[in-house]
C-alpha atoms as a PDB file:
ATOM      1  CA  MET A   1     187.679   0.479  43.153  1.00  0.00           C
ATOM      2  CA  ARG A   2     189.905   3.501  43.611  1.00  0.00           C
ATOM      3  CA  LYS A   3     191.652   5.216  46.470  1.00  0.00           C
ATOM      4  CA  TYR A   4     190.280   8.639  47.447  1.00  0.00           C
ATOM      5  CA  THR A   5     191.099  11.270  50.010  1.00  0.00           C
ATOM      6  CA  VAL A   6     188.128  13.332  51.247  1.00  0.00           C
ATOM      7  CA  LEU A   7     188.230  16.426  53.437  1.00  0.00           C
ATOM      8  CA  LEU A   8     184.980  17.082  55.291  1.00  0.00           C
ATOM      9  CA  LEU A   9     183.874  20.147  57.294  1.00  0.00           C
ATOM     10  CA  ARG A  10     182.325  19.284  60.628  1.00  0.00           C
ATOM     11  CA  PRO A  11     178.982  21.001  61.237  1.00  0.00           C
ATOM     12  CA  GLU A  12     179.092  24.231  63.152  1.00  0.00           C
ATOM     13  CA  PHE A  13     176.971  22.931  65.995  1.00  0.00           C
ATOM     14  CA  VAL A  14     179.595  20.280  66.897  1.00  0.00           C
ATOM     15  CA  ALA A  15     182.802  21.913  65.675  1.00  0.00           C
ATOM     16  CA  ASP A  16     185.462  23.142  68.047  1.00  0.00           C
ATOM     17  CA  GLY A  17     186.321  25.876  65.626  1.00  0.00           C
ATOM     18  CA  TYR A  18     183.846  26.192  62.793  1.00  0.00           C
ATOM     19  CA  GLY A  19     185.511  26.581  59.432  1.00  0.00           C
ATOM     20  CA  ILE A  20     188.718  24.898  60.592  1.00  0.00           C
ATOM     21  CA  ASP A  21     187.379  21.706  62.263  1.00  0.00           C
ATOM     22  CA  THR A  22     187.770  19.212  59.437  1.00  0.00           C
ATOM     23  CA  TYR A  23     188.143  15.478  59.030  1.00  0.00           C
ATOM     24  CA  ARG A  24     190.394  13.843  56.420  1.00  0.00           C
ATOM     25  CA  ALA A  25     189.444  10.345  55.351  1.00  0.00           C
ATOM     26  CA  GLN A  26     191.270   7.949  53.098  1.00  0.00           C
ATOM     27  CA  VAL A  27     188.775   5.538  51.578  1.00  0.00           C
ATOM     28  CA  VAL A  28     188.348   3.029  48.747  1.00  0.00           C
ATOM     29  CA  ALA A  29     185.233   3.479  46.583  1.00  0.00           C
ATOM     30  CA  ASP A  30     183.855   3.018  43.077  1.00  0.00           C
ATOM     31  CA  SER A  31     183.353   6.761  42.476  1.00  0.00           C
ATOM     32  CA  ALA A  32     183.866  10.243  43.998  1.00  0.00           C
ATOM     33  CA  ASP A  33     180.242  10.116  45.237  1.00  0.00           C
ATOM     34  CA  GLY A  34     180.894   6.801  46.913  1.00  0.00           C
ATOM     35  CA  ALA A  35     184.082   8.172  48.448  1.00  0.00           C
ATOM     36  CA  VAL A  36     182.211  11.144  50.001  1.00  0.00           C
ATOM     37  CA  LEU A  37     179.547   8.880  51.382  1.00  0.00           C
ATOM     38  CA  ALA A  38     182.111   6.457  52.851  1.00  0.00           C
ATOM     39  CA  ALA A  39     183.982   9.354  54.447  1.00  0.00           C
ATOM     40  CA  GLN A  40     180.784  10.848  55.830  1.00  0.00           C
ATOM     41  CA  LYS A  41     179.787   7.470  57.345  1.00  0.00           C
ATOM     42  CA  GLU A  42     183.283   6.991  58.815  1.00  0.00           C
ATOM     43  CA  VAL A  43     183.314  10.419  60.605  1.00  0.00           C
ATOM     44  CA  THR A  44     179.715   9.988  61.784  1.00  0.00           C
ATOM     45  CA  GLU A  45     180.668   6.742  63.521  1.00  0.00           C
ATOM     46  CA  LEU A  46     183.911   8.242  64.886  1.00  0.00           C
ATOM     47  CA  ASP A  47     182.199  11.365  66.350  1.00  0.00           C
ATOM     48  CA  ASP A  48     179.458   9.094  67.842  1.00  0.00           C
ATOM     49  CA  LEU A  49     176.842  11.800  67.859  1.00  0.00           C
ATOM     50  CA  ASP A  50     173.274  11.638  66.629  1.00  0.00           C
ATOM     51  CA  LEU A  51     174.089  13.219  63.236  1.00  0.00           C
ATOM     52  CA  ALA A  52     173.307  12.334  59.643  1.00  0.00           C
ATOM     53  CA  PRO A  53     176.327  11.616  57.400  1.00  0.00           C
ATOM     54  CA  ASN A  54     175.365  14.523  55.110  1.00  0.00           C
ATOM     55  CA  ASP A  55     175.750  16.939  58.078  1.00  0.00           C
ATOM     56  CA  TYR A  56     179.487  16.732  57.163  1.00  0.00           C
ATOM     57  CA  TYR A  57     180.123  18.951  54.145  1.00  0.00           C
ATOM     58  CA  PRO A  58     182.714  17.711  51.604  1.00  0.00           C
ATOM     59  CA  LEU A  59     185.347  20.403  50.956  1.00  0.00           C
ATOM     60  CA  ILE A  60     187.440  18.466  48.468  1.00  0.00           C
ATOM     61  CA  THR A  61     187.666  14.952  47.043  1.00  0.00           C
ATOM     62  CA  LEU A  62     190.969  13.810  45.539  1.00  0.00           C
ATOM     63  CA  LYS A  63     191.936  10.687  43.605  1.00  0.00           C
ATOM     64  CA  GLY A  64     194.568   8.772  45.563  1.00  0.00           C
ATOM     65  CA  TRP A  65     195.622   8.931  49.222  1.00  0.00           C
ATOM     66  CA  HIS A  66     197.160  12.231  50.220  1.00  0.00           C
ATOM     67  CA  ASP A  67     198.742  13.188  53.533  1.00  0.00           C
ATOM     68  CA  ASP A  68     198.584  16.634  55.110  1.00  0.00           C
ATOM     69  CA  ILE A  69     202.073  18.068  55.107  1.00  0.00           C
ATOM     70  CA  THR A  70     201.210  21.517  56.476  1.00  0.00           C
ATOM     71  CA  PRO A  71     204.060  22.586  58.782  1.00  0.00           C
ATOM     72  CA  GLU A  72     203.159  22.676  62.437  1.00  0.00           C
ATOM     73  CA  SER A  73     204.079  26.380  62.528  1.00  0.00           C
ATOM     74  CA  CYS A  74     201.197  27.101  60.144  1.00  0.00           C
ATOM     75  CA  ARG A  75     198.483  25.090  61.921  1.00  0.00           C
ATOM     76  CA  GLN A  76     195.862  26.667  64.241  1.00  0.00           C
ATOM     77  CA  ASP A  77     196.283  26.012  67.936  1.00  0.00           C
ATOM     78  CA  GLU A  78     193.674  23.610  69.252  1.00  0.00           C
END
């Protein structure tokens, strides 16, 4: 089992701002495929909508756990 960080794009029909409404998950899985699936299941449960896990598109999958260190001044206003 390895640690992975997965960044998912929320579907446009539920996103507050399509293209920038993402979800970052830190999961433990056997493979990158397993990590994506675990992250998709996690966000599906969190959003609590009637969506399929694969409605969330994986943008990037990284080995290890990574934190977003983007400065607040560079982030989009919500």
